[in-house]
Amino acid sequence: MVEWGLVHVLGMILDGMYGIVNKTKPAYVGTYGKVLGPDAKDPRSAKLNELYDAFYANPLPPYYSRIIVQHAWNLGWAGVAALVAPAFIASPLWCRFTFVWCLIPYLLDVGYWLAVDVPGLGGAAAEAQTYIVSVGMGCIGHGINERFKDAGPNAPGDAEKYLMYIVPGLLFMLGLITKAGHAFGLHPFGFLIREDLSALE
């Protein structure tokens, strides 16, 4: 969780830095590293770079990037939540609730998967965060199950115990299915992309 937290606090700084001055193209290039920027090798890259260059050739309307500032803030506080998780798991008092606490970064990454991984826009380092947060959640869930299995009424019940393995495994599997689909030119969750993509043709 610490690596995930550091990456997302850095994301807050970078995205916030561009959003606050209403110059967001570098934020998009950083996030959509697979398809945007001079080093992108994806078949969609040439057309996407052309479209983004044309769009950003003119000044952005006032307040256009304020939503990026909000997004940066959300990255930052979720990153801090992930950074605090090791202290919680080490605490005899807070340990029992660390899995629920870690739902903050996990659910943020579900949003990333939906917005960036499903259409295959993110670079390898960004895509890796989905697996990092899933494995981290699984380890924390396993640690809680082991630590509290003999805690009588405070022990995780069967439903809670299994959810601590199923929930992280779900995002991990969604990420693998998405990645494998893209490797074979398929979009297994393409039905979640509802925008007009005719400009890419």
C-alpha atoms as a PDB file:
ATOM      1  CA  MET A   1       0.000   0.000   0.000  1.00  0.00           C
ATOM      2  CA  VAL A   2       2.914   2.379   0.656  1.00  0.00           C
ATOM      3  CA  GLU A   3       4.065   2.371  -2.985  1.00  0.00           C
ATOM      4  CA  TRP A   4       0.483   2.969  -4.143  1.00  0.00           C
ATOM      5  CA  GLY A   5       0.181   5.841  -1.664  1.00  0.00           C
ATOM      6  CA  LEU A   6       3.426   7.494  -2.779  1.00  0.00           C
ATOM      7  CA  VAL A   7       2.469   7.240  -6.471  1.00  0.00           C
ATOM      8  CA  HIS A   8      -0.926   8.817  -5.822  1.00  0.00           C
ATOM      9  CA  VAL A   9       0.411  11.640  -3.643  1.00  0.00           C
ATOM     10  CA  LEU A  10       2.853  12.383  -6.483  1.00  0.00           C
ATOM     11  CA  GLY A  11      -0.121  12.242  -8.886  1.00  0.00           C
ATOM     12  CA  MET A  12      -1.891  14.815  -6.731  1.00  0.00           C
ATOM     13  CA  ILE A  13       1.076  17.162  -6.960  1.00  0.00           C
ATOM     14  CA  LEU A  14       1.544  16.787 -10.724  1.00  0.00           C
ATOM     15  CA  ASP A  15      -2.129  16.853 -11.752  1.00  0.00           C
ATOM     16  CA  GLY A  16      -2.877  19.642  -9.287  1.00  0.00           C
ATOM     17  CA  MET A  17       0.069  21.671 -10.555  1.00  0.00           C
ATOM     18  CA  TYR A  18      -1.280  21.533 -14.122  1.00  0.00           C
ATOM     19  CA  GLY A  19      -4.945  21.859 -13.199  1.00  0.00           C
ATOM     20  CA  ILE A  20      -4.519  24.917 -10.998  1.00  0.00           C
ATOM     21  CA  VAL A  21      -3.029  26.906 -13.921  1.00  0.00           C
ATOM     22  CA  ASN A  22      -5.527  25.503 -16.473  1.00  0.00           C
ATOM     23  CA  LYS A  23      -2.871  23.766 -18.593  1.00  0.00           C
ATOM     24  CA  THR A  24      -3.812  20.112 -18.381  1.00  0.00           C
ATOM     25  CA  LYS A  25      -2.250  18.508 -21.451  1.00  0.00           C
ATOM     26  CA  PRO A  26       0.824  17.273 -19.478  1.00  0.00           C
ATOM     27  CA  ALA A  27      -1.538  15.661 -16.946  1.00  0.00           C
ATOM     28  CA  TYR A  28      -3.295  13.767 -19.730  1.00  0.00           C
ATOM     29  CA  VAL A  29       0.006  12.740 -21.336  1.00  0.00           C
ATOM     30  CA  GLY A  30       1.155  11.438 -17.942  1.00  0.00           C
ATOM     31  CA  THR A  31      -2.036   9.488 -17.323  1.00  0.00           C
ATOM     32  CA  TYR A  32      -2.620   8.254 -20.875  1.00  0.00           C
ATOM     33  CA  GLY A  33       1.032   7.326 -21.384  1.00  0.00           C
ATOM     34  CA  LYS A  34       0.207   4.368 -23.594  1.00  0.00           C
ATOM     35  CA  VAL A  35      -1.529   6.481 -26.243  1.00  0.00           C
ATOM     36  CA  LEU A  36      -0.394  10.109 -25.782  1.00  0.00           C
ATOM     37  CA  GLY A  37       2.970  11.790 -26.023  1.00  0.00           C
ATOM     38  CA  PRO A  38       5.970  11.495 -28.317  1.00  0.00           C
ATOM     39  CA  ASP A  39       6.932   8.014 -27.104  1.00  0.00           C
ATOM     40  CA  ALA A  40       3.483   6.392 -27.398  1.00  0.00           C
ATOM     41  CA  LYS A  41       3.464   3.372 -29.717  1.00  0.00           C
ATOM     42  CA  ASP A  42      -0.227   2.426 -29.655  1.00  0.00           C
ATOM     43  CA  PRO A  43      -1.970   2.347 -33.083  1.00  0.00           C
ATOM     44  CA  ARG A  44      -4.320   5.098 -31.839  1.00  0.00           C
ATOM     45  CA  SER A  45      -1.410   7.355 -30.823  1.00  0.00           C
ATOM     46  CA  ALA A  46      -0.904   9.333 -34.022  1.00  0.00           C
ATOM     47  CA  LYS A  47      -4.564  10.307 -34.316  1.00  0.00           C
ATOM     48  CA  LEU A  48      -4.975  10.966 -30.567  1.00  0.00           C
ATOM     49  CA  ASN A  49      -1.854  13.136 -30.456  1.00  0.00           C
ATOM     50  CA  GLU A  50      -3.131  15.060 -33.481  1.00  0.00           C
ATOM     51  CA  LEU A  51      -6.545  15.597 -31.836  1.00  0.00           C
ATOM     52  CA  TYR A  52      -5.055  16.647 -28.484  1.00  0.00           C
ATOM     53  CA  ASP A  53      -2.521  18.964 -30.157  1.00  0.00           C
ATOM     54  CA  ALA A  54      -5.331  20.657 -32.104  1.00  0.00           C
ATOM     55  CA  PHE A  55      -7.493  20.955 -28.987  1.00  0.00           C
ATOM     56  CA  TYR A  56      -4.705  22.425 -26.858  1.00  0.00           C
ATOM     57  CA  ALA A  57      -3.490  24.775 -29.638  1.00  0.00           C
ATOM     58  CA  ASN A  58      -5.968  27.349 -28.294  1.00  0.00           C
ATOM     59  CA  PRO A  59      -6.217  28.571 -24.697  1.00  0.00           C
ATOM     60  CA  LEU A  60      -8.606  26.543 -22.579  1.00  0.00           C
ATOM     61  CA  PRO A  61     -11.812  28.205 -21.408  1.00  0.00           C
ATOM     62  CA  PRO A  62     -11.655  29.638 -17.877  1.00  0.00           C
ATOM     63  CA  TYR A  63     -12.240  27.033 -15.149  1.00  0.00           C
ATOM     64  CA  TYR A  64     -11.947  24.174 -17.650  1.00  0.00           C
ATOM     65  CA  SER A  65      -9.343  22.359 -15.518  1.00  0.00           C
ATOM     66  CA  ARG A  66     -10.955  22.832 -12.099  1.00  0.00           C
ATOM     67  CA  ILE A  67     -12.273  19.243 -12.262  1.00  0.00           C
ATOM     68  CA  ILE A  68      -8.626  18.124 -12.595  1.00  0.00           C
ATOM     69  CA  VAL A  69      -7.868  20.016  -9.367  1.00  0.00           C
ATOM     70  CA  GLN A  70     -10.660  18.057  -7.652  1.00  0.00           C
ATOM     71  CA  HIS A  71      -9.303  14.814  -9.127  1.00  0.00           C
ATOM     72  CA  ALA A  72      -5.807  15.699  -7.881  1.00  0.00           C
ATOM     73  CA  TRP A  73      -7.161  16.302  -4.376  1.00  0.00           C
ATOM     74  CA  ASN A  74      -8.885  12.903  -4.431  1.00  0.00           C
ATOM     75  CA  LEU A  75      -5.655  11.229  -5.544  1.00  0.00           C
ATOM     76  CA  GLY A  76      -3.825  12.899  -2.693  1.00  0.00           C
ATOM     77  CA  TRP A  77      -6.118  12.043   0.196  1.00  0.00           C
ATOM     78  CA  ALA A  78      -6.525   8.457  -1.035  1.00  0.00           C
ATOM     79  CA  GLY A  79      -2.724   8.266  -1.275  1.00  0.00           C
ATOM     80  CA  VAL A  80      -2.403   9.461   2.309  1.00  0.00           C
ATOM     81  CA  ALA A  81      -4.991   6.857   3.358  1.00  0.00           C
ATOM     82  CA  ALA A  82      -2.816   4.163   1.754  1.00  0.00           C
ATOM     83  CA  LEU A  83       0.320   5.527   3.452  1.00  0.00           C
ATOM     84  CA  VAL A  84      -1.386   5.359   6.854  1.00  0.00           C
ATOM     85  CA  ALA A  85      -2.508   1.733   6.356  1.00  0.00           C
ATOM     86  CA  PRO A  86       0.742   0.136   7.650  1.00  0.00           C
ATOM     87  CA  ALA A  87       0.416   2.068  10.925  1.00  0.00           C
ATOM     88  CA  PHE A  88      -3.163   0.841  11.257  1.00  0.00           C
ATOM     89  CA  ILE A  89      -2.274  -2.793  10.541  1.00  0.00           C
ATOM     90  CA  ALA A  90       0.457  -2.589  13.207  1.00  0.00           C
ATOM     91  CA  SER A  91      -1.905  -1.145  15.813  1.00  0.00           C
ATOM     92  CA  PRO A  92      -3.629  -3.569  18.189  1.00  0.00           C
ATOM     93  CA  LEU A  93      -6.644  -1.239  18.236  1.00  0.00           C
ATOM     94  CA  TRP A  94      -7.026  -0.215  14.576  1.00  0.00           C
ATOM     95  CA  CYS A  95      -5.786  -3.416  12.946  1.00  0.00           C
ATOM     96  CA  ARG A  96      -9.253  -4.984  12.916  1.00  0.00           C
ATOM     97  CA  PHE A  97     -10.572  -2.130  10.726  1.00  0.00           C
ATOM     98  CA  THR A  98      -7.658  -1.721   8.315  1.00  0.00           C
ATOM     99  CA  PHE A  99      -9.355  -3.649   5.507  1.00  0.00           C
ATOM    100  CA  VAL A 100     -12.291  -1.232   5.534  1.00  0.00           C
ATOM    101  CA  TRP A 101      -9.850   1.711   5.660  1.00  0.00           C
ATOM    102  CA  CYS A 102      -8.071   0.317   2.596  1.00  0.00           C
ATOM    103  CA  LEU A 103     -11.296   0.339   0.627  1.00  0.00           C
ATOM    104  CA  ILE A 104     -10.469   4.023   0.008  1.00  0.00           C
ATOM    105  CA  PRO A 105      -7.496   3.383  -2.316  1.00  0.00           C
ATOM    106  CA  TYR A 106      -9.103   0.225  -3.668  1.00  0.00           C
ATOM    107  CA  LEU A 107     -12.288   1.994  -4.764  1.00  0.00           C
ATOM    108  CA  LEU A 108     -10.245   4.830  -6.251  1.00  0.00           C
ATOM    109  CA  ASP A 109      -8.461   2.241  -8.374  1.00  0.00           C
ATOM    110  CA  VAL A 110     -11.779   0.716  -9.450  1.00  0.00           C
ATOM    111  CA  GLY A 111     -12.522   4.158 -10.898  1.00  0.00           C
ATOM    112  CA  TYR A 112      -9.114   4.199 -12.620  1.00  0.00           C
ATOM    113  CA  TRP A 113      -9.756   0.751 -14.086  1.00  0.00           C
ATOM    114  CA  LEU A 114     -13.100   1.905 -15.445  1.00  0.00           C
ATOM    115  CA  ALA A 115     -11.842   5.229 -16.847  1.00  0.00           C
ATOM    116  CA  VAL A 116      -8.336   4.393 -18.069  1.00  0.00           C
ATOM    117  CA  ASP A 117      -7.699   0.629 -18.154  1.00  0.00           C
ATOM    118  CA  VAL A 118     -10.938  -0.391 -19.888  1.00  0.00           C
ATOM    119  CA  PRO A 119     -10.170   1.713 -22.994  1.00  0.00           C
ATOM    120  CA  GLY A 120      -6.456   0.787 -22.700  1.00  0.00           C
ATOM    121  CA  LEU A 121      -5.036   4.281 -22.242  1.00  0.00           C
ATOM    122  CA  GLY A 122      -2.611   3.925 -19.324  1.00  0.00           C
ATOM    123  CA  GLY A 123       1.052   3.043 -19.389  1.00  0.00           C
ATOM    124  CA  ALA A 124       2.510  -0.023 -17.660  1.00  0.00           C
ATOM    125  CA  ALA A 125       3.419   1.732 -14.398  1.00  0.00           C
ATOM    126  CA  ALA A 126      -0.094   3.146 -14.059  1.00  0.00           C
ATOM    127  CA  GLU A 127      -1.724  -0.184 -14.928  1.00  0.00           C
ATOM    128  CA  ALA A 128       0.424  -1.915 -12.306  1.00  0.00           C
ATOM    129  CA  GLN A 129      -1.284   0.081  -9.542  1.00  0.00           C
ATOM    130  CA  THR A 130      -4.454  -1.999 -10.035  1.00  0.00           C
ATOM    131  CA  TYR A 131      -2.547  -5.162  -9.139  1.00  0.00           C
ATOM    132  CA  ILE A 132      -0.532  -3.497  -6.379  1.00  0.00           C
ATOM    133  CA  VAL A 133      -3.626  -2.254  -4.548  1.00  0.00           C
ATOM    134  CA  SER A 134      -5.383  -5.613  -5.044  1.00  0.00           C
ATOM    135  CA  VAL A 135      -2.462  -7.643  -3.686  1.00  0.00           C
ATOM    136  CA  GLY A 136      -2.034  -5.173  -0.813  1.00  0.00           C
ATOM    137  CA  MET A 137      -5.717  -5.484   0.098  1.00  0.00           C
ATOM    138  CA  GLY A 138      -5.509  -9.285  -0.101  1.00  0.00           C
ATOM    139  CA  CYS A 139      -2.473  -9.350   2.203  1.00  0.00           C
ATOM    140  CA  ILE A 140      -4.139  -7.023   4.692  1.00  0.00           C
ATOM    141  CA  GLY A 141      -7.321  -9.115   4.634  1.00  0.00           C
ATOM    142  CA  HIS A 142      -5.323 -12.302   5.168  1.00  0.00           C
ATOM    143  CA  GLY A 143      -3.404 -10.681   8.033  1.00  0.00           C
ATOM    144  CA  ILE A 144      -6.629  -9.628   9.736  1.00  0.00           C
ATOM    145  CA  ASN A 145      -8.140 -13.088   9.289  1.00  0.00           C
ATOM    146  CA  GLU A 146      -5.065 -14.732  10.794  1.00  0.00           C
ATOM    147  CA  ARG A 147      -4.641 -12.240  13.633  1.00  0.00           C
ATOM    148  CA  PHE A 148      -8.273 -12.364  14.750  1.00  0.00           C
ATOM    149  CA  LYS A 149      -9.272 -15.964  13.932  1.00  0.00           C
ATOM    150  CA  ASP A 150      -9.216 -16.931  17.630  1.00  0.00           C
ATOM    151  CA  ALA A 151     -10.729 -13.665  18.901  1.00  0.00           C
ATOM    152  CA  GLY A 152     -14.103 -15.165  19.759  1.00  0.00           C
ATOM    153  CA  PRO A 153     -16.895 -12.667  19.066  1.00  0.00           C
ATOM    154  CA  ASN A 154     -14.376 -10.265  17.491  1.00  0.00           C
ATOM    155  CA  ALA A 155     -13.221 -12.830  14.941  1.00  0.00           C
ATOM    156  CA  PRO A 156     -14.250 -12.203  11.334  1.00  0.00           C
ATOM    157  CA  GLY A 157     -17.410 -14.124  10.473  1.00  0.00           C
ATOM    158  CA  ASP A 158     -17.468 -16.396   7.436  1.00  0.00           C
ATOM    159  CA  ALA A 159     -18.931 -13.746   5.119  1.00  0.00           C
ATOM    160  CA  GLU A 160     -16.430 -11.098   6.204  1.00  0.00           C
ATOM    161  CA  LYS A 161     -13.528 -13.541   6.061  1.00  0.00           C
ATOM    162  CA  TYR A 162     -14.258 -14.579   2.483  1.00  0.00           C
ATOM    163  CA  LEU A 163     -15.026 -11.038   1.333  1.00  0.00           C
ATOM    164  CA  MET A 164     -11.516 -10.054   2.404  1.00  0.00           C
ATOM    165  CA  TYR A 165     -10.232 -12.411  -0.306  1.00  0.00           C
ATOM    166  CA  ILE A 166     -12.982 -11.978  -2.909  1.00  0.00           C
ATOM    167  CA  VAL A 167     -13.022  -8.155  -3.042  1.00  0.00           C
ATOM    168  CA  PRO A 168      -9.303  -7.711  -3.864  1.00  0.00           C
ATOM    169  CA  GLY A 169      -9.389 -10.726  -6.167  1.00  0.00           C
ATOM    170  CA  LEU A 170     -12.238  -9.198  -8.143  1.00  0.00           C
ATOM    171  CA  LEU A 171     -10.319  -6.098  -9.249  1.00  0.00           C
ATOM    172  CA  PHE A 172      -7.213  -8.204  -9.868  1.00  0.00           C
ATOM    173  CA  MET A 173      -9.214 -10.508 -12.172  1.00  0.00           C
ATOM    174  CA  LEU A 174     -10.931  -7.592 -13.944  1.00  0.00           C
ATOM    175  CA  GLY A 175      -7.483  -6.131 -14.599  1.00  0.00           C
ATOM    176  CA  LEU A 176      -6.148  -9.434 -15.960  1.00  0.00           C
ATOM    177  CA  ILE A 177      -9.175  -9.986 -18.198  1.00  0.00           C
ATOM    178  CA  THR A 178      -8.878  -6.440 -19.537  1.00  0.00           C
ATOM    179  CA  LYS A 179      -5.135  -6.760 -20.158  1.00  0.00           C
ATOM    180  CA  ALA A 180      -5.446 -10.189 -21.805  1.00  0.00           C
ATOM    181  CA  GLY A 181      -8.282  -8.930 -23.987  1.00  0.00           C
ATOM    182  CA  HIS A 182      -6.223  -5.954 -25.162  1.00  0.00           C
ATOM    183  CA  ALA A 183      -3.277  -8.258 -25.919  1.00  0.00           C
ATOM    184  CA  PHE A 184      -5.521 -10.133 -28.366  1.00  0.00           C
ATOM    185  CA  GLY A 185      -7.116  -7.000 -29.818  1.00  0.00           C
ATOM    186  CA  LEU A 186     -10.326  -7.491 -27.857  1.00  0.00           C
ATOM    187  CA  HIS A 187     -12.180  -5.143 -25.538  1.00  0.00           C
ATOM    188  CA  PRO A 188     -13.981  -7.419 -23.064  1.00  0.00           C
ATOM    189  CA  PHE A 189     -15.483  -4.443 -21.229  1.00  0.00           C
ATOM    190  CA  GLY A 190     -15.957  -2.265 -24.311  1.00  0.00           C
ATOM    191  CA  PHE A 191     -19.643  -1.921 -23.475  1.00  0.00           C
ATOM    192  CA  LEU A 192     -18.539   0.434 -20.666  1.00  0.00           C
ATOM    193  CA  ILE A 193     -17.180   2.928 -23.244  1.00  0.00           C
ATOM    194  CA  ARG A 194     -20.249   4.896 -24.321  1.00  0.00           C
ATOM    195  CA  GLU A 195     -18.626   7.871 -26.087  1.00  0.00           C
ATOM    196  CA  ASP A 196     -18.376   8.511 -29.819  1.00  0.00           C
ATOM    197  CA  LEU A 197     -14.945   7.362 -31.004  1.00  0.00           C
ATOM    198  CA  SER A 198     -15.480   8.089 -34.706  1.00  0.00           C
ATOM    199  CA  ALA A 199     -12.786  10.837 -34.579  1.00  0.00           C
ATOM    200  CA  LEU A 200     -10.190   8.066 -34.191  1.00  0.00           C
ATOM    201  CA  GLU A 201     -11.090   6.503 -37.549  1.00  0.00           C
END
